[in-house]
Amino acid sequence: MRHRRLKYAGLAVLLLAGSWTAGSALPAAANDSPAPAAADSRPVSTGLPAAMQRDLGLTKRQAEERLAAERTATAVEPRARTAAGASYGGAWFDAEEGRLTVAVTSDASPATLRAVRSTGAAVRTVEHSARELDTAKERVDRLPAPRG
């Protein structure tokens, strides 16, 4: 059962990450609006709540609450990333807590931690920043691929 929950939690993270990517491709004016448009309160697909009920074992109300929490997390992420600064280590939607979790490195100052928490995000300490991880990934990507 835990494996299945992890699988679906991973799927939720991928969906949330995809929504962040899609949101960043919009014109700046669309992302800077002070209040979300009425259409933003509805799921992208009318079948999404039903799929969440079926696949995640949620009730209709739980699916709607989860979607609302994910929309909030999506809105909070850019501010939380900015608040974390160089200590930023990544972010994900924590389905158990129902909110965004932001990873920060252990050298983050108390002011940085307060700033991230003030966005509404939970904070987790990690060893490496996102910049360090990206640099390591770039090095690996430049390695020659083995045959076969």
N, C-alpha and C. Protein backbone atom coordinates (compact mmCIF):
# COMPACT_ATOMS: atom_id res chain seq x y z
N MET A 1 0.83 -1.19 0.00
CA MET A 1 0.00 0.00 0.00
C MET A 1 0.87 1.25 0.00
N ARG A 2 1.99 1.23 0.77
CA ARG A 2 2.87 2.39 0.85
C ARG A 2 3.50 2.67 -0.52
N HIS A 3 3.87 1.60 -1.24
CA HIS A 3 4.45 1.75 -2.57
C HIS A 3 3.47 2.47 -3.49
N ARG A 4 2.20 2.11 -3.39
CA ARG A 4 1.17 2.73 -4.23
C ARG A 4 1.02 4.20 -3.88
N ARG A 5 1.02 4.53 -2.59
CA ARG A 5 0.92 5.93 -2.17
C ARG A 5 2.11 6.73 -2.68
N LEU A 6 3.31 6.14 -2.59
CA LEU A 6 4.50 6.83 -3.07
C LEU A 6 4.41 7.06 -4.57
N LYS A 7 3.89 6.07 -5.28
CA LYS A 7 3.74 6.21 -6.73
C LYS A 7 2.81 7.38 -7.04
N TYR A 8 1.70 7.47 -6.36
CA TYR A 8 0.74 8.54 -6.63
C TYR A 8 1.24 9.89 -6.10
N ALA A 9 1.99 9.88 -5.03
CA ALA A 9 2.59 11.13 -4.55
C ALA A 9 3.59 11.63 -5.57
N GLY A 10 4.37 10.72 -6.14
CA GLY A 10 5.31 11.09 -7.19
C GLY A 10 4.60 11.66 -8.40
N LEU A 11 3.48 11.04 -8.77
CA LEU A 11 2.68 11.54 -9.89
C LEU A 11 2.17 12.94 -9.61
N ALA A 12 1.72 13.17 -8.39
CA ALA A 12 1.23 14.50 -8.02
C ALA A 12 2.35 15.54 -8.12
N VAL A 13 3.55 15.16 -7.68
CA VAL A 13 4.69 16.07 -7.77
C VAL A 13 4.98 16.40 -9.23
N LEU A 14 4.96 15.40 -10.09
CA LEU A 14 5.21 15.64 -11.52
C LEU A 14 4.15 16.54 -12.12
N LEU A 15 2.89 16.32 -11.75
CA LEU A 15 1.82 17.17 -12.25
C LEU A 15 2.00 18.60 -11.78
N LEU A 16 2.36 18.76 -10.52
CA LEU A 16 2.58 20.10 -9.98
C LEU A 16 3.76 20.76 -10.65
N ALA A 17 4.85 20.02 -10.84
CA ALA A 17 6.02 20.59 -11.51
C ALA A 17 5.67 20.99 -12.93
N GLY A 18 4.86 20.19 -13.59
CA GLY A 18 4.43 20.53 -14.94
C GLY A 18 3.60 21.79 -14.97
N SER A 19 2.76 21.97 -13.95
CA SER A 19 1.95 23.19 -13.91
C SER A 19 2.82 24.41 -13.66
N TRP A 20 3.91 24.25 -12.89
CA TRP A 20 4.84 25.37 -12.69
C TRP A 20 5.53 25.72 -13.99
N THR A 21 5.93 24.70 -14.74
CA THR A 21 6.61 24.94 -16.01
C THR A 21 5.66 25.62 -16.98
N ALA A 22 4.44 25.14 -17.05
CA ALA A 22 3.46 25.76 -17.95
C ALA A 22 3.17 27.19 -17.53
N GLY A 23 3.09 27.42 -16.24
CA GLY A 23 2.82 28.77 -15.75
C GLY A 23 3.94 29.72 -16.06
N SER A 24 5.18 29.24 -16.05
CA SER A 24 6.30 30.13 -16.32
C SER A 24 6.42 30.46 -17.79
N ALA A 25 5.72 29.72 -18.65
CA ALA A 25 5.76 30.00 -20.08
C ALA A 25 4.75 31.07 -20.48
N LEU A 26 3.88 31.45 -19.58
CA LEU A 26 2.89 32.47 -19.89
C LEU A 26 3.53 33.84 -19.88
N PRO A 27 2.93 34.81 -20.55
CA PRO A 27 3.46 36.17 -20.49
C PRO A 27 3.50 36.67 -19.06
N ALA A 28 4.43 37.56 -18.77
CA ALA A 28 4.61 38.05 -17.40
C ALA A 28 3.34 38.68 -16.86
N ALA A 29 2.60 39.37 -17.68
CA ALA A 29 1.38 40.03 -17.21
C ALA A 29 0.38 39.02 -16.68
N ALA A 30 0.35 37.83 -17.29
CA ALA A 30 -0.59 36.81 -16.83
C ALA A 30 -0.20 36.29 -15.46
N ASN A 31 1.11 36.20 -15.16
CA ASN A 31 1.55 35.68 -13.87
C ASN A 31 1.51 36.72 -12.77
N ASP A 32 1.47 38.00 -13.13
CA ASP A 32 1.53 39.06 -12.13
C ASP A 32 0.16 39.59 -11.72
N SER A 33 -0.90 38.97 -12.17
CA SER A 33 -2.22 39.46 -11.82
C SER A 33 -2.44 39.31 -10.33
N PRO A 34 -3.04 40.33 -9.68
CA PRO A 34 -3.19 40.30 -8.23
C PRO A 34 -4.15 39.23 -7.74
N ALA A 35 -5.15 38.87 -8.52
CA ALA A 35 -6.11 37.86 -8.09
C ALA A 35 -6.27 36.85 -9.21
N PRO A 36 -6.42 35.57 -8.86
CA PRO A 36 -6.60 34.57 -9.90
C PRO A 36 -7.92 34.77 -10.64
N ALA A 37 -7.92 34.43 -11.90
CA ALA A 37 -9.14 34.52 -12.70
C ALA A 37 -10.13 33.48 -12.23
N ALA A 38 -11.39 33.69 -12.52
CA ALA A 38 -12.42 32.75 -12.09
C ALA A 38 -12.17 31.36 -12.65
N ALA A 39 -11.64 31.28 -13.88
CA ALA A 39 -11.38 29.97 -14.48
C ALA A 39 -10.30 29.21 -13.72
N ASP A 40 -9.42 29.91 -12.99
CA ASP A 40 -8.36 29.25 -12.24
C ASP A 40 -8.89 28.43 -11.07
N SER A 41 -10.12 28.67 -10.66
CA SER A 41 -10.66 27.93 -9.53
C SER A 41 -11.20 26.56 -9.95
N ARG A 42 -11.27 26.33 -11.25
CA ARG A 42 -11.73 25.03 -11.75
C ARG A 42 -10.52 24.21 -12.19
N PRO A 43 -10.62 22.89 -12.09
CA PRO A 43 -9.51 22.06 -12.57
C PRO A 43 -9.36 22.20 -14.08
N VAL A 44 -8.16 21.93 -14.56
CA VAL A 44 -7.89 22.01 -16.00
C VAL A 44 -8.81 21.06 -16.75
N SER A 45 -9.02 19.91 -16.21
CA SER A 45 -9.87 18.90 -16.83
C SER A 45 -11.05 18.63 -15.90
N THR A 46 -12.23 18.60 -16.45
CA THR A 46 -13.40 18.31 -15.61
C THR A 46 -13.34 16.88 -15.08
N GLY A 47 -12.58 16.01 -15.74
CA GLY A 47 -12.45 14.63 -15.29
C GLY A 47 -11.40 14.43 -14.21
N LEU A 48 -10.62 15.47 -13.91
CA LEU A 48 -9.54 15.33 -12.94
C LEU A 48 -10.02 14.93 -11.54
N PRO A 49 -11.05 15.58 -10.99
CA PRO A 49 -11.51 15.14 -9.65
C PRO A 49 -11.95 13.67 -9.64
N ALA A 50 -12.61 13.24 -10.69
CA ALA A 50 -13.04 11.83 -10.75
C ALA A 50 -11.83 10.91 -10.82
N ALA A 51 -10.82 11.29 -11.59
CA ALA A 51 -9.60 10.48 -11.68
C ALA A 51 -8.89 10.43 -10.34
N MET A 52 -8.87 11.54 -9.63
CA MET A 52 -8.23 11.56 -8.31
C MET A 52 -9.00 10.67 -7.33
N GLN A 53 -10.32 10.67 -7.43
CA GLN A 53 -11.12 9.81 -6.57
C GLN A 53 -10.80 8.34 -6.87
N ARG A 54 -10.73 8.02 -8.13
CA ARG A 54 -10.48 6.64 -8.54
C ARG A 54 -9.05 6.21 -8.21
N ASP A 55 -8.07 7.02 -8.61
CA ASP A 55 -6.67 6.62 -8.51
C ASP A 55 -6.05 6.85 -7.14
N LEU A 56 -6.49 7.88 -6.44
CA LEU A 56 -5.90 8.19 -5.14
C LEU A 56 -6.80 7.78 -3.97
N GLY A 57 -7.99 7.30 -4.30
CA GLY A 57 -8.90 6.86 -3.25
C GLY A 57 -9.47 8.01 -2.44
N LEU A 58 -9.62 9.17 -3.06
CA LEU A 58 -10.14 10.35 -2.37
C LEU A 58 -11.64 10.46 -2.57
N THR A 59 -12.30 11.13 -1.65
CA THR A 59 -13.70 11.48 -1.86
C THR A 59 -13.73 12.69 -2.79
N LYS A 60 -14.91 13.04 -3.27
CA LYS A 60 -15.03 14.21 -4.14
C LYS A 60 -14.55 15.46 -3.42
N ARG A 61 -14.94 15.60 -2.17
CA ARG A 61 -14.53 16.77 -1.38
C ARG A 61 -13.01 16.79 -1.17
N GLN A 62 -12.44 15.63 -0.87
CA GLN A 62 -10.98 15.56 -0.68
C GLN A 62 -10.24 15.92 -1.97
N ALA A 63 -10.76 15.46 -3.11
CA ALA A 63 -10.13 15.78 -4.39
C ALA A 63 -10.20 17.28 -4.65
N GLU A 64 -11.34 17.89 -4.38
CA GLU A 64 -11.48 19.34 -4.58
C GLU A 64 -10.56 20.11 -3.63
N GLU A 65 -10.47 19.66 -2.39
CA GLU A 65 -9.58 20.32 -1.42
C GLU A 65 -8.12 20.16 -1.84
N ARG A 66 -7.77 18.99 -2.34
CA ARG A 66 -6.40 18.74 -2.79
C ARG A 66 -6.05 19.64 -3.97
N LEU A 67 -6.95 19.76 -4.91
CA LEU A 67 -6.71 20.63 -6.06
C LEU A 67 -6.55 22.09 -5.62
N ALA A 68 -7.38 22.51 -4.68
CA ALA A 68 -7.26 23.89 -4.17
C ALA A 68 -5.92 24.09 -3.47
N ALA A 69 -5.50 23.09 -2.68
CA ALA A 69 -4.21 23.18 -1.99
C ALA A 69 -3.06 23.20 -2.98
N GLU A 70 -3.16 22.42 -4.05
CA GLU A 70 -2.11 22.41 -5.07
C GLU A 70 -2.05 23.73 -5.82
N ARG A 71 -3.23 24.35 -6.07
CA ARG A 71 -3.24 25.68 -6.71
C ARG A 71 -2.55 26.70 -5.80
N THR A 72 -2.83 26.61 -4.51
CA THR A 72 -2.19 27.52 -3.57
C THR A 72 -0.68 27.29 -3.56
N ALA A 73 -0.26 26.04 -3.54
CA ALA A 73 1.18 25.73 -3.55
C ALA A 73 1.84 26.28 -4.81
N THR A 74 1.16 26.16 -5.94
CA THR A 74 1.70 26.68 -7.19
C THR A 74 1.87 28.19 -7.12
N ALA A 75 0.93 28.86 -6.48
CA ALA A 75 1.03 30.32 -6.35
C ALA A 75 2.11 30.73 -5.36
N VAL A 76 2.32 29.92 -4.33
CA VAL A 76 3.30 30.24 -3.28
C VAL A 76 4.73 29.98 -3.74
N GLU A 77 4.94 29.01 -4.60
CA GLU A 77 6.29 28.56 -4.96
C GLU A 77 7.23 29.67 -5.42
N PRO A 78 6.84 30.55 -6.34
CA PRO A 78 7.79 31.58 -6.76
C PRO A 78 8.24 32.49 -5.62
N ARG A 79 7.33 32.86 -4.74
CA ARG A 79 7.69 33.71 -3.59
C ARG A 79 8.58 32.95 -2.62
N ALA A 80 8.29 31.68 -2.40
CA ALA A 80 9.10 30.88 -1.48
C ALA A 80 10.51 30.66 -2.04
N ARG A 81 10.60 30.44 -3.34
CA ARG A 81 11.91 30.27 -4.00
C ARG A 81 12.73 31.55 -3.84
N THR A 82 12.11 32.68 -4.07
CA THR A 82 12.79 33.96 -3.93
C THR A 82 13.23 34.17 -2.48
N ALA A 83 12.36 33.85 -1.54
CA ALA A 83 12.68 34.01 -0.12
C ALA A 83 13.85 33.13 0.30
N ALA A 84 13.95 31.95 -0.28
CA ALA A 84 15.03 31.03 0.07
C ALA A 84 16.38 31.48 -0.50
N GLY A 85 16.35 32.19 -1.60
CA GLY A 85 17.58 32.70 -2.21
C GLY A 85 18.55 31.58 -2.56
N ALA A 86 19.84 31.80 -2.26
CA ALA A 86 20.89 30.83 -2.61
C ALA A 86 20.75 29.53 -1.83
N SER A 87 19.97 29.53 -0.76
CA SER A 87 19.77 28.33 0.05
C SER A 87 18.72 27.39 -0.53
N TYR A 88 18.04 27.82 -1.59
CA TYR A 88 16.95 27.04 -2.18
C TYR A 88 17.46 25.69 -2.67
N GLY A 89 16.77 24.63 -2.24
CA GLY A 89 17.15 23.28 -2.63
C GLY A 89 16.07 22.53 -3.38
N GLY A 90 14.97 23.19 -3.70
CA GLY A 90 13.88 22.54 -4.41
C GLY A 90 12.57 22.72 -3.67
N ALA A 91 11.49 22.29 -4.28
CA ALA A 91 10.17 22.41 -3.66
C ALA A 91 9.26 21.32 -4.21
N TRP A 92 8.30 20.93 -3.39
CA TRP A 92 7.34 19.92 -3.81
C TRP A 92 6.06 20.09 -3.00
N PHE A 93 4.99 19.54 -3.55
CA PHE A 93 3.72 19.55 -2.84
C PHE A 93 3.68 18.32 -1.95
N ASP A 94 3.49 18.55 -0.67
CA ASP A 94 3.39 17.45 0.29
C ASP A 94 1.91 17.14 0.48
N ALA A 95 1.48 16.02 -0.09
CA ALA A 95 0.07 15.65 -0.04
C ALA A 95 -0.42 15.39 1.38
N GLU A 96 0.45 14.86 2.24
CA GLU A 96 0.04 14.58 3.62
C GLU A 96 -0.23 15.88 4.39
N GLU A 97 0.63 16.88 4.17
CA GLU A 97 0.46 18.17 4.85
C GLU A 97 -0.49 19.09 4.08
N GLY A 98 -0.67 18.83 2.81
CA GLY A 98 -1.56 19.65 2.00
C GLY A 98 -1.00 21.02 1.67
N ARG A 99 0.34 21.11 1.58
CA ARG A 99 0.93 22.40 1.23
C ARG A 99 2.32 22.20 0.64
N LEU A 100 2.84 23.30 0.15
CA LEU A 100 4.16 23.31 -0.46
C LEU A 100 5.22 23.10 0.61
N THR A 101 6.23 22.31 0.27
CA THR A 101 7.40 22.16 1.12
C THR A 101 8.59 22.66 0.33
N VAL A 102 9.39 23.51 0.96
CA VAL A 102 10.57 24.09 0.32
C VAL A 102 11.81 23.58 1.03
N ALA A 103 12.74 23.05 0.26
CA ALA A 103 14.01 22.57 0.80
C ALA A 103 14.99 23.73 0.84
N VAL A 104 15.67 23.88 1.96
CA VAL A 104 16.72 24.90 2.09
C VAL A 104 17.95 24.23 2.69
N THR A 105 19.11 24.77 2.35
CA THR A 105 20.35 24.20 2.87
C THR A 105 20.51 24.58 4.33
N SER A 106 21.36 23.82 5.02
CA SER A 106 21.53 24.01 6.46
C SER A 106 22.17 25.34 6.81
N ASP A 107 22.78 26.02 5.84
CA ASP A 107 23.37 27.32 6.13
C ASP A 107 22.38 28.48 5.99
N ALA A 108 21.12 28.18 5.75
CA ALA A 108 20.10 29.22 5.64
C ALA A 108 19.97 29.95 6.98
N SER A 109 19.92 31.25 6.90
CA SER A 109 19.82 32.06 8.12
C SER A 109 18.41 31.95 8.72
N PRO A 110 18.29 32.26 10.00
CA PRO A 110 16.96 32.27 10.61
C PRO A 110 16.01 33.23 9.89
N ALA A 111 16.52 34.35 9.39
CA ALA A 111 15.68 35.29 8.65
C ALA A 111 15.17 34.66 7.35
N THR A 112 16.03 33.87 6.70
CA THR A 112 15.62 33.19 5.47
C THR A 112 14.54 32.17 5.78
N LEU A 113 14.72 31.42 6.85
CA LEU A 113 13.71 30.42 7.24
C LEU A 113 12.38 31.09 7.54
N ARG A 114 12.42 32.21 8.26
CA ARG A 114 11.19 32.94 8.57
C ARG A 114 10.53 33.45 7.29
N ALA A 115 11.34 33.95 6.36
CA ALA A 115 10.80 34.48 5.11
C ALA A 115 10.12 33.38 4.30
N VAL A 116 10.74 32.20 4.24
CA VAL A 116 10.12 31.09 3.50
C VAL A 116 8.83 30.67 4.19
N ARG A 117 8.87 30.53 5.49
CA ARG A 117 7.66 30.11 6.23
C ARG A 117 6.54 31.15 6.10
N SER A 118 6.92 32.43 5.99
CA SER A 118 5.89 33.47 5.89
C SER A 118 5.11 33.38 4.59
N THR A 119 5.62 32.65 3.62
CA THR A 119 4.89 32.46 2.36
C THR A 119 3.80 31.40 2.51
N GLY A 120 3.85 30.65 3.60
CA GLY A 120 2.89 29.58 3.81
C GLY A 120 3.47 28.20 3.54
N ALA A 121 4.73 28.16 3.14
CA ALA A 121 5.38 26.89 2.83
C ALA A 121 6.00 26.28 4.08
N ALA A 122 6.05 24.95 4.11
CA ALA A 122 6.81 24.25 5.14
C ALA A 122 8.27 24.24 4.70
N VAL A 123 9.19 24.06 5.64
CA VAL A 123 10.63 24.08 5.33
C VAL A 123 11.25 22.75 5.73
N ARG A 124 12.11 22.23 4.85
CA ARG A 124 12.91 21.04 5.14
C ARG A 124 14.36 21.38 4.84
N THR A 125 15.25 20.89 5.69
CA THR A 125 16.67 21.14 5.49
C THR A 125 17.27 20.04 4.62
N VAL A 126 18.10 20.45 3.65
CA VAL A 126 18.76 19.51 2.75
C VAL A 126 20.25 19.84 2.69
N GLU A 127 21.02 18.91 2.18
CA GLU A 127 22.46 19.08 2.14
C GLU A 127 22.92 19.97 0.99
N HIS A 128 22.25 19.87 -0.17
CA HIS A 128 22.71 20.58 -1.37
C HIS A 128 21.64 21.53 -1.89
N SER A 129 22.08 22.68 -2.39
CA SER A 129 21.16 23.64 -2.99
C SER A 129 20.78 23.16 -4.39
N ALA A 130 19.72 23.74 -4.92
CA ALA A 130 19.31 23.41 -6.28
C ALA A 130 20.41 23.77 -7.27
N ARG A 131 21.11 24.85 -7.02
CA ARG A 131 22.21 25.25 -7.91
C ARG A 131 23.30 24.18 -7.92
N GLU A 132 23.65 23.66 -6.74
CA GLU A 132 24.67 22.60 -6.67
C GLU A 132 24.19 21.34 -7.40
N LEU A 133 22.94 21.00 -7.23
CA LEU A 133 22.40 19.82 -7.90
C LEU A 133 22.37 20.00 -9.42
N ASP A 134 22.00 21.20 -9.86
CA ASP A 134 21.99 21.48 -11.30
C ASP A 134 23.40 21.39 -11.89
N THR A 135 24.38 21.91 -11.15
CA THR A 135 25.77 21.85 -11.61
C THR A 135 26.23 20.40 -11.73
N ALA A 136 25.91 19.57 -10.74
CA ALA A 136 26.28 18.16 -10.79
C ALA A 136 25.59 17.46 -11.96
N LYS A 137 24.33 17.78 -12.19
CA LYS A 137 23.60 17.18 -13.30
C LYS A 137 24.22 17.57 -14.63
N GLU A 138 24.61 18.83 -14.77
CA GLU A 138 25.25 19.27 -16.01
C GLU A 138 26.55 18.51 -16.26
N ARG A 139 27.33 18.24 -15.21
CA ARG A 139 28.56 17.46 -15.36
C ARG A 139 28.25 16.04 -15.82
N VAL A 140 27.25 15.44 -15.23
CA VAL A 140 26.86 14.08 -15.62
C VAL A 140 26.35 14.08 -17.06
N ASP A 141 25.58 15.09 -17.43
CA ASP A 141 25.04 15.15 -18.79
C ASP A 141 26.13 15.26 -19.84
N ARG A 142 27.29 15.82 -19.48
CA ARG A 142 28.38 15.97 -20.44
C ARG A 142 29.22 14.69 -20.57
N LEU A 143 29.02 13.74 -19.69
CA LEU A 143 29.77 12.48 -19.77
C LEU A 143 29.32 11.69 -20.99
N PRO A 144 30.26 10.95 -21.60
CA PRO A 144 29.84 10.13 -22.74
C PRO A 144 28.93 8.99 -22.27
N ALA A 145 27.93 8.74 -23.04
CA ALA A 145 26.98 7.67 -22.71
C ALA A 145 27.59 6.32 -23.09
N PRO A 146 27.38 5.31 -22.26
CA PRO A 146 27.90 3.98 -22.61
C PRO A 146 27.12 3.41 -23.80
N ARG A 147 27.78 2.55 -24.54
CA ARG A 147 27.12 1.91 -25.67
C ARG A 147 26.10 0.89 -25.16
N GLY A 148 25.01 0.76 -25.91
CA GLY A 148 24.03 -0.27 -25.62
C GLY A 148 23.03 0.18 -24.65
